[in-house]
Amino acid sequence: MISVAMATYNGASYVEKQIESILKQSLPIDELIVCDDCSLDETVNIIEHLSISDTRIKLHINKENIGYISNFYQAISMTSGK
């Protein structure tokens, strides 16, 4: 199983292209774990919309901002693959 961890925060302007790029890689992935660190823009809405059409996308929204390093480690800890 191949997993990708992604940390997001206020990335509405580029998050859709990033996710599309990850999902279109030549080596297919089994899951994309996205941890959002309390974005104030439309990042979460965009990811939720994308996850409807692709069940490999799994979104976790933090209850409070934990910073980008902790957010990325959290995303990694939620993966179930390599």
C-alpha atoms as a PDB file:
ATOM      1  CA  MET A   1       0.000   0.000   0.000  1.00  0.00           C
ATOM      2  CA  ILE A   2       1.313   3.436  -0.949  1.00  0.00           C
ATOM      3  CA  SER A   3       0.278   6.457   1.104  1.00  0.00           C
ATOM      4  CA  VAL A   4       0.974  10.155   0.638  1.00  0.00           C
ATOM      5  CA  ALA A   5       0.793  12.626   3.529  1.00  0.00           C
ATOM      6  CA  MET A   6      -0.048  16.258   2.843  1.00  0.00           C
ATOM      7  CA  ALA A   7      -0.239  19.166   5.283  1.00  0.00           C
ATOM      8  CA  THR A   8      -2.350  22.185   4.316  1.00  0.00           C
ATOM      9  CA  TYR A   9      -2.984  25.688   5.618  1.00  0.00           C
ATOM     10  CA  ASN A  10      -4.598  28.505   3.641  1.00  0.00           C
ATOM     11  CA  GLY A  11      -3.650  26.928   0.320  1.00  0.00           C
ATOM     12  CA  ALA A  12      -6.869  27.449  -1.628  1.00  0.00           C
ATOM     13  CA  SER A  13      -5.088  28.983  -4.603  1.00  0.00           C
ATOM     14  CA  TYR A  14      -2.962  25.871  -5.279  1.00  0.00           C
ATOM     15  CA  VAL A  15      -4.312  22.891  -3.306  1.00  0.00           C
ATOM     16  CA  GLU A  16      -6.454  21.499  -6.141  1.00  0.00           C
ATOM     17  CA  LYS A  17      -3.515  21.411  -8.570  1.00  0.00           C
ATOM     18  CA  GLN A  18      -1.288  19.841  -5.907  1.00  0.00           C
ATOM     19  CA  ILE A  19      -3.785  17.073  -5.211  1.00  0.00           C
ATOM     20  CA  GLU A  20      -4.403  16.438  -8.913  1.00  0.00           C
ATOM     21  CA  SER A  21      -0.657  16.162  -9.455  1.00  0.00           C
ATOM     22  CA  ILE A  22      -0.245  13.678  -6.607  1.00  0.00           C
ATOM     23  CA  LEU A  23      -3.119  11.515  -7.851  1.00  0.00           C
ATOM     24  CA  LYS A  24      -1.797  11.478 -11.437  1.00  0.00           C
ATOM     25  CA  GLN A  25       1.691  10.212 -10.630  1.00  0.00           C
ATOM     26  CA  SER A  26       2.916   7.243 -12.673  1.00  0.00           C
ATOM     27  CA  LEU A  27       3.037   5.110  -9.519  1.00  0.00           C
ATOM     28  CA  PRO A  28      -0.557   4.904  -8.252  1.00  0.00           C
ATOM     29  CA  ILE A  29      -1.234   5.667  -4.619  1.00  0.00           C
ATOM     30  CA  ASP A  30      -3.759   3.983  -2.345  1.00  0.00           C
ATOM     31  CA  GLU A  31      -4.472   6.927  -0.061  1.00  0.00           C
ATOM     32  CA  LEU A  32      -3.812  10.626   0.281  1.00  0.00           C
ATOM     33  CA  ILE A  33      -4.012  11.793   3.875  1.00  0.00           C
ATOM     34  CA  VAL A  34      -4.561  15.550   4.067  1.00  0.00           C
ATOM     35  CA  CYS A  35      -4.302  17.296   7.434  1.00  0.00           C
ATOM     36  CA  ASP A  36      -5.534  20.870   7.437  1.00  0.00           C
ATOM     37  CA  ASP A  37      -4.243  23.167  10.152  1.00  0.00           C
ATOM     38  CA  CYS A  38      -7.341  25.382  10.615  1.00  0.00           C
ATOM     39  CA  SER A  39      -7.291  27.131   7.235  1.00  0.00           C
ATOM     40  CA  LEU A  40      -9.163  30.408   7.080  1.00  0.00           C
ATOM     41  CA  ASP A  41      -9.758  30.300   3.317  1.00  0.00           C
ATOM     42  CA  GLU A  42     -11.538  27.801   1.030  1.00  0.00           C
ATOM     43  CA  THR A  43      -8.858  25.082   1.324  1.00  0.00           C
ATOM     44  CA  VAL A  44     -11.061  22.663   3.273  1.00  0.00           C
ATOM     45  CA  ASN A  45     -14.039  23.144   0.932  1.00  0.00           C
ATOM     46  CA  ILE A  46     -11.869  22.403  -2.103  1.00  0.00           C
ATOM     47  CA  ILE A  47     -10.446  19.238  -0.527  1.00  0.00           C
ATOM     48  CA  GLU A  48     -13.895  18.075   0.573  1.00  0.00           C
ATOM     49  CA  HIS A  49     -15.194  18.568  -2.974  1.00  0.00           C
ATOM     50  CA  LEU A  50     -12.287  16.581  -4.444  1.00  0.00           C
ATOM     51  CA  SER A  51     -12.741  13.779  -1.907  1.00  0.00           C
ATOM     52  CA  ILE A  52     -16.310  13.198  -3.102  1.00  0.00           C
ATOM     53  CA  SER A  53     -15.064  12.009  -6.494  1.00  0.00           C
ATOM     54  CA  ASP A  54     -11.932  10.233  -5.226  1.00  0.00           C
ATOM     55  CA  THR A  55     -12.219   8.108  -2.105  1.00  0.00           C
ATOM     56  CA  ARG A  56      -8.433   7.870  -1.783  1.00  0.00           C
ATOM     57  CA  ILE A  57      -8.474  11.430  -0.391  1.00  0.00           C
ATOM     58  CA  LYS A  58      -8.965  11.438   3.371  1.00  0.00           C
ATOM     59  CA  LEU A  59      -9.238  14.809   5.100  1.00  0.00           C
ATOM     60  CA  HIS A  60      -8.520  15.522   8.741  1.00  0.00           C
ATOM     61  CA  ILE A  61      -9.152  19.030  10.100  1.00  0.00           C
ATOM     62  CA  ASN A  62      -7.288  20.007  13.253  1.00  0.00           C
ATOM     63  CA  LYS A  63      -9.326  21.438  16.129  1.00  0.00           C
ATOM     64  CA  GLU A  64      -6.612  24.039  16.705  1.00  0.00           C
ATOM     65  CA  ASN A  65      -3.600  25.289  14.788  1.00  0.00           C
ATOM     66  CA  ILE A  66      -0.577  23.131  15.628  1.00  0.00           C
ATOM     67  CA  GLY A  67       1.965  24.539  13.154  1.00  0.00           C
ATOM     68  CA  TYR A  68       3.262  23.118   9.910  1.00  0.00           C
ATOM     69  CA  ILE A  69       5.838  20.724  11.354  1.00  0.00           C
ATOM     70  CA  SER A  70       3.450  19.063  13.813  1.00  0.00           C
ATOM     71  CA  ASN A  71       0.723  19.077  11.175  1.00  0.00           C
ATOM     72  CA  PHE A  72       2.917  17.193   8.714  1.00  0.00           C
ATOM     73  CA  TYR A  73       4.010  14.667  11.356  1.00  0.00           C
ATOM     74  CA  GLN A  74       0.358  14.164  12.219  1.00  0.00           C
ATOM     75  CA  ALA A  75      -0.466  13.491   8.556  1.00  0.00           C
ATOM     76  CA  ILE A  76       2.349  10.947   8.370  1.00  0.00           C
ATOM     77  CA  SER A  77       1.120   9.204  11.523  1.00  0.00           C
ATOM     78  CA  MET A  78      -2.344   8.771   9.972  1.00  0.00           C
ATOM     79  CA  THR A  79      -1.107   6.901   6.904  1.00  0.00           C
ATOM     80  CA  SER A  80      -1.476   3.157   6.693  1.00  0.00           C
ATOM     81  CA  GLY A  81       0.970   2.417   3.869  1.00  0.00           C
ATOM     82  CA  LYS A  82       4.624   2.966   3.047  1.00  0.00           C
END
